[in-house]
Amino acid sequence: MRGKQAKKRGIKPDRKYDSVLVSKLINKVMIGGKKKVAQTIVYKAIEDVAKQLNETPMVALERAITNVKPVVEVRARRVGGSNYQIPVPVPANRQISLAIRWLVEIARAKKGGKFGDFLKNELVQAYKNGGEAVKKRENVEKMAEANRAFAHFRW
């Protein structure tokens, strides 16, 4: 039997923009505990995106992440010896974490340049409702739509 559910630990907002969203992005970009390196990469990417789009940095980042957030996803559920992909709505905190994860993973997967440039390009594409992260969201939502017939198995 499971024990108590772990308590949610709050994330402190970052120093420059005083935003929890930027802080989450920095934590996702960070490798090996090198937070200063992650901060410089993220801050430079956000500022470059804002310059390129003639928008304030926080508005540009929030809109990019909003365009990547999935509304529904599929979860595997075993019913009567068969596994079904059941569409379920995505909670708000998971929407944000999935969007950030997809943006960082896609930027990291690209080779032949600097990670910061790839992150900036992906954020610009997401702001314009395009790019690989938005395609990933569309695929997830398409999968949920295709399996709508199994929604009655949700509980």
Protein backbone atom coordinates (compact mmCIF):
# COMPACT_ATOMS: atom_id res chain seq x y z
CA MET A 1 0.00 0.00 0.00
CA ARG A 2 1.16 3.52 -0.73
CA GLY A 3 2.25 5.94 1.94
CA LYS A 4 1.41 9.60 2.17
CA GLN A 5 1.45 11.67 -0.95
CA ALA A 6 4.49 13.92 -1.16
CA LYS A 7 3.90 17.59 -0.36
CA LYS A 8 4.25 20.03 -3.24
CA ARG A 9 7.30 22.20 -2.80
CA GLY A 10 6.91 25.69 -4.13
CA ILE A 11 9.31 27.04 -6.73
CA LYS A 12 10.79 30.46 -6.04
CA PRO A 13 10.40 33.01 -8.82
CA ASP A 14 13.56 33.98 -10.69
CA ARG A 15 15.39 37.18 -9.83
CA LYS A 16 15.24 38.99 -13.15
CA TYR A 17 11.58 38.65 -14.18
CA ASP A 18 10.15 37.57 -10.80
CA SER A 19 8.35 34.73 -12.57
CA VAL A 20 7.82 31.12 -11.55
CA LEU A 21 7.44 30.19 -15.23
CA VAL A 22 10.95 31.41 -16.07
CA SER A 23 12.25 29.64 -12.98
CA LYS A 24 10.71 26.35 -14.16
CA LEU A 25 12.26 26.83 -17.61
CA ILE A 26 15.68 27.48 -16.06
CA ASN A 27 15.38 24.35 -13.90
CA LYS A 28 14.48 22.27 -16.96
CA VAL A 29 17.40 23.64 -18.99
CA MET A 30 19.86 23.13 -16.12
CA ILE A 31 22.22 20.16 -16.40
CA GLY A 32 24.43 18.92 -13.59
CA GLY A 33 23.37 21.61 -11.13
CA LYS A 34 24.86 24.45 -13.21
CA LYS A 35 22.12 26.97 -12.62
CA LYS A 36 24.11 30.07 -13.63
CA VAL A 37 24.79 28.57 -17.07
CA ALA A 38 21.09 27.71 -17.46
CA GLN A 39 20.08 31.23 -16.37
CA THR A 40 22.33 32.92 -18.91
CA ILE A 41 21.05 30.66 -21.71
CA VAL A 42 17.38 31.18 -20.82
CA TYR A 43 17.62 34.94 -20.21
CA LYS A 44 19.47 35.48 -23.50
CA ALA A 45 16.95 33.32 -25.39
CA ILE A 46 13.96 35.15 -23.87
CA GLU A 47 15.47 38.58 -24.63
CA ASP A 48 16.30 37.58 -28.22
CA VAL A 49 12.77 36.27 -28.73
CA ALA A 50 11.31 39.50 -27.35
CA LYS A 51 13.54 41.60 -29.66
CA GLN A 52 12.71 39.49 -32.69
CA LEU A 53 8.95 39.67 -32.05
CA ASN A 54 8.82 43.29 -30.78
CA GLU A 55 7.11 42.07 -27.61
CA THR A 56 7.91 42.22 -23.91
CA PRO A 57 9.92 39.16 -22.77
CA MET A 58 7.32 37.76 -20.38
CA VAL A 59 4.40 38.16 -22.79
CA ALA A 60 6.38 36.43 -25.55
CA LEU A 61 7.34 33.51 -23.28
CA GLU A 62 3.84 33.09 -21.84
CA ARG A 63 2.22 33.12 -25.28
CA ALA A 64 4.76 30.61 -26.63
CA ILE A 65 4.11 28.23 -23.74
CA THR A 66 0.33 28.75 -24.00
CA ASN A 67 0.49 27.69 -27.66
CA VAL A 68 2.33 24.46 -26.72
CA LYS A 69 0.16 23.45 -23.72
CA PRO A 70 -1.99 20.36 -24.42
CA VAL A 71 -5.64 20.35 -23.32
CA VAL A 72 -6.21 16.57 -23.46
CA GLU A 73 -3.91 13.56 -23.50
CA VAL A 74 -4.31 9.79 -23.48
CA ARG A 75 -3.64 7.55 -20.50
CA ALA A 76 -3.35 3.78 -20.66
CA ARG A 77 -5.99 1.95 -18.64
CA ARG A 78 -6.38 -1.80 -18.33
CA VAL A 79 -10.02 -2.88 -18.60
CA GLY A 80 -11.06 -6.51 -18.90
CA GLY A 81 -7.65 -7.78 -19.96
CA SER A 82 -7.19 -5.16 -22.68
CA ASN A 83 -5.27 -1.91 -22.59
CA TYR A 84 -7.16 1.14 -23.78
CA GLN A 85 -5.85 4.62 -24.50
CA ILE A 86 -8.32 6.82 -22.65
CA PRO A 87 -8.48 10.57 -23.28
CA VAL A 88 -8.29 12.65 -20.10
CA PRO A 89 -8.09 16.40 -19.56
CA VAL A 90 -4.62 17.63 -18.56
CA PRO A 91 -4.34 19.50 -15.22
CA ALA A 92 -2.98 23.06 -15.45
CA ASN A 93 0.34 22.34 -13.71
CA ARG A 94 0.99 19.35 -15.98
CA GLN A 95 0.14 21.43 -19.06
CA ILE A 96 2.91 23.87 -18.18
CA SER A 97 5.44 21.17 -17.33
CA LEU A 98 4.72 19.28 -20.57
CA ALA A 99 5.04 22.45 -22.64
CA ILE A 100 8.38 23.35 -21.06
CA ARG A 101 9.64 19.77 -21.33
CA TRP A 102 8.75 19.54 -25.02
CA LEU A 103 10.36 22.89 -25.85
CA VAL A 104 13.62 21.99 -24.09
CA GLU A 105 13.76 18.41 -25.42
CA ILE A 106 13.22 19.55 -29.01
CA ALA A 107 15.87 22.27 -28.71
CA ARG A 108 18.28 19.79 -27.12
CA ALA A 109 17.73 17.17 -29.84
CA LYS A 110 18.98 19.49 -32.56
CA LYS A 111 22.66 19.25 -33.49
CA GLY A 112 25.11 21.56 -35.17
CA GLY A 113 24.80 24.77 -33.18
CA LYS A 114 24.25 26.34 -29.79
CA PHE A 115 21.44 25.13 -27.56
CA GLY A 116 20.45 28.73 -26.76
CA ASP A 117 19.88 29.49 -30.44
CA PHE A 118 17.78 26.37 -30.88
CA LEU A 119 15.73 27.24 -27.78
CA LYS A 120 15.20 30.78 -29.08
CA ASN A 121 14.09 29.49 -32.49
CA GLU A 122 11.69 27.00 -30.92
CA LEU A 123 10.20 29.73 -28.69
CA VAL A 124 9.71 32.00 -31.71
CA GLN A 125 8.05 29.17 -33.64
CA ALA A 126 5.81 28.36 -30.66
CA TYR A 127 4.86 32.05 -30.35
CA LYS A 128 3.78 31.96 -33.99
CA ASN A 129 1.87 28.69 -33.35
CA GLY A 130 4.27 26.58 -35.39
CA GLY A 131 7.35 24.43 -34.87
CA GLU A 132 7.95 20.94 -33.58
CA ALA A 133 6.61 21.54 -30.06
CA VAL A 134 3.24 22.67 -31.44
CA LYS A 135 3.23 19.62 -33.75
CA LYS A 136 3.83 17.42 -30.72
CA ARG A 137 0.86 19.03 -28.93
CA GLU A 138 -1.31 18.53 -32.00
CA ASN A 139 -0.30 14.86 -32.21
CA VAL A 140 -1.16 14.31 -28.55
CA GLU A 141 -4.55 15.98 -28.97
CA LYS A 142 -5.19 14.10 -32.23
CA MET A 143 -4.49 10.80 -30.44
CA ALA A 144 -6.97 11.78 -27.71
CA GLU A 145 -9.57 12.69 -30.31
CA ALA A 146 -9.07 9.37 -32.11
CA ASN A 147 -9.61 7.45 -28.87
CA ARG A 148 -12.68 9.44 -27.80
CA ALA A 149 -14.76 6.28 -28.10
CA PHE A 150 -13.04 4.90 -24.98
CA ALA A 151 -13.78 7.99 -22.85
CA HIS A 152 -16.50 6.09 -20.96
CA PHE A 153 -13.75 3.96 -19.32
CA ARG A 154 -12.47 7.03 -17.47
CA TRP A 155 -12.99 7.12 -13.73
